[in-house]
C-alpha atoms as a PDB file:
ATOM      1  CA  MET A   1      -5.009  72.271 -87.805  1.00  0.00           C
ATOM      2  CA  ASP A   2      -5.142  73.599 -91.365  1.00  0.00           C
ATOM      3  CA  ASN A   3      -3.673  77.012 -92.043  1.00  0.00           C
ATOM      4  CA  LYS A   4      -6.278  78.217 -94.557  1.00  0.00           C
ATOM      5  CA  PRO A   5      -7.170  81.907 -94.825  1.00  0.00           C
ATOM      6  CA  ASP A   6     -10.770  82.948 -94.294  1.00  0.00           C
ATOM      7  CA  PHE A   7     -12.477  85.096 -96.900  1.00  0.00           C
ATOM      8  CA  VAL A   8     -15.213  87.401 -95.683  1.00  0.00           C
ATOM      9  CA  GLN A   9     -17.463  89.428 -97.976  1.00  0.00           C
ATOM     10  CA  VAL A  10     -18.051  92.968 -96.773  1.00  0.00           C
ATOM     11  CA  LYS A  11     -20.926  95.079 -98.070  1.00  0.00           C
ATOM     12  CA  VAL A  12     -21.124  98.809 -97.397  1.00  0.00           C
ATOM     13  CA  GLU A  13     -24.608 100.274 -97.168  1.00  0.00           C
ATOM     14  CA  GLY A  14     -25.344 102.980 -99.677  1.00  0.00           C
ATOM     15  CA  ALA A  15     -22.548 101.945-102.000  1.00  0.00           C
ATOM     16  CA  THR A  16     -23.565 102.159-105.619  1.00  0.00           C
ATOM     17  CA  PRO A  17     -22.449  99.563-108.142  1.00  0.00           C
ATOM     18  CA  PRO A  18     -19.904 100.761-110.732  1.00  0.00           C
ATOM     19  CA  ARG A  19     -21.392 102.325-113.843  1.00  0.00           C
ATOM     20  CA  LYS A  20     -21.127 100.499-117.131  1.00  0.00           C
ATOM     21  CA  ILE A  21     -19.134 102.714-119.469  1.00  0.00           C
ATOM     22  CA  LYS A  22     -19.630 102.042-123.147  1.00  0.00           C
ATOM     23  CA  PRO A  23     -16.296 101.822-124.975  1.00  0.00           C
ATOM     24  CA  GLN A  24     -15.726 104.632-127.445  1.00  0.00           C
ATOM     25  CA  LYS A  25     -13.205 104.869-130.213  1.00  0.00           C
ATOM     26  CA  ALA A  26     -10.349 107.132-129.085  1.00  0.00           C
ATOM     27  CA  LEU A  27      -7.812 106.713-131.896  1.00  0.00           C
ATOM     28  CA  GLN A  28      -7.678 105.101-135.327  1.00  0.00           C
ATOM     29  CA  LEU A  29      -4.397 104.686-137.188  1.00  0.00           C
ATOM     30  CA  ARG A  30      -4.117 103.518-140.780  1.00  0.00           C
ATOM     31  CA  ILE A  31      -0.907 101.490-141.038  1.00  0.00           C
ATOM     32  CA  ASP A  32      -1.122 100.678-144.727  1.00  0.00           C
ATOM     33  CA  GLN A  33      -3.826 100.156-147.318  1.00  0.00           C
ATOM     34  CA  ASN A  34      -5.188  96.992-145.684  1.00  0.00           C
ATOM     35  CA  LYS A  35      -4.333  97.494-141.998  1.00  0.00           C
ATOM     36  CA  THR A  36      -5.942  99.782-139.454  1.00  0.00           C
ATOM     37  CA  VAL A  37      -5.445  99.927-135.691  1.00  0.00           C
ATOM     38  CA  VAL A  38      -8.372 101.082-133.553  1.00  0.00           C
ATOM     39  CA  VAL A  39      -7.775 102.088-129.921  1.00  0.00           C
ATOM     40  CA  TYR A  40     -10.698 102.488-127.542  1.00  0.00           C
ATOM     41  CA  ASN A  41     -10.927 104.576-124.389  1.00  0.00           C
ATOM     42  CA  ARG A  42     -10.020 102.961-121.069  1.00  0.00           C
ATOM     43  CA  ILE A  43      -7.015 101.143-122.588  1.00  0.00           C
ATOM     44  CA  ASN A  44      -4.242 100.358-120.124  1.00  0.00           C
ATOM     45  CA  ASN A  45      -1.209 102.612-120.470  1.00  0.00           C
ATOM     46  CA  TYR A  46       1.294  99.792-120.837  1.00  0.00           C
ATOM     47  CA  ILE A  47      -0.768  98.202-123.624  1.00  0.00           C
ATOM     48  CA  LEU A  48      -1.048 101.518-125.482  1.00  0.00           C
ATOM     49  CA  ASP A  49       2.682 102.159-125.063  1.00  0.00           C
ATOM     50  CA  THR A  50       3.575  98.727-126.443  1.00  0.00           C
ATOM     51  CA  LEU A  51       1.122  99.084-129.318  1.00  0.00           C
ATOM     52  CA  LEU A  52       2.473 102.473-130.378  1.00  0.00           C
ATOM     53  CA  LYS A  53       6.061 101.262-130.172  1.00  0.00           C
ATOM     54  CA  ALA A  54       5.207  98.263-132.357  1.00  0.00           C
ATOM     55  CA  VAL A  55       3.355 100.380-134.922  1.00  0.00           C
ATOM     56  CA  PHE A  56       5.968 103.099-135.234  1.00  0.00           C
ATOM     57  CA  ALA A  57       8.969 100.747-135.041  1.00  0.00           C
ATOM     58  CA  HIS A  58       7.454  98.903-138.008  1.00  0.00           C
ATOM     59  CA  ASP A  59       7.555 102.111-140.093  1.00  0.00           C
ATOM     60  CA  ALA A  60      11.138 102.988-139.173  1.00  0.00           C
END
């Protein structure tokens, strides 16, 4: 006998599909004359944290 898990799709009546949210620019940083970083809303916190550390560590 195979020990394979069963996957069952469950649908809840009346559930609405998630809304599509259009990305919007939240932050724009000019690093130097030829480099700009653009951050959009809905960015993951760990990605934003790493990005800011990389940008500001570069200037130090």
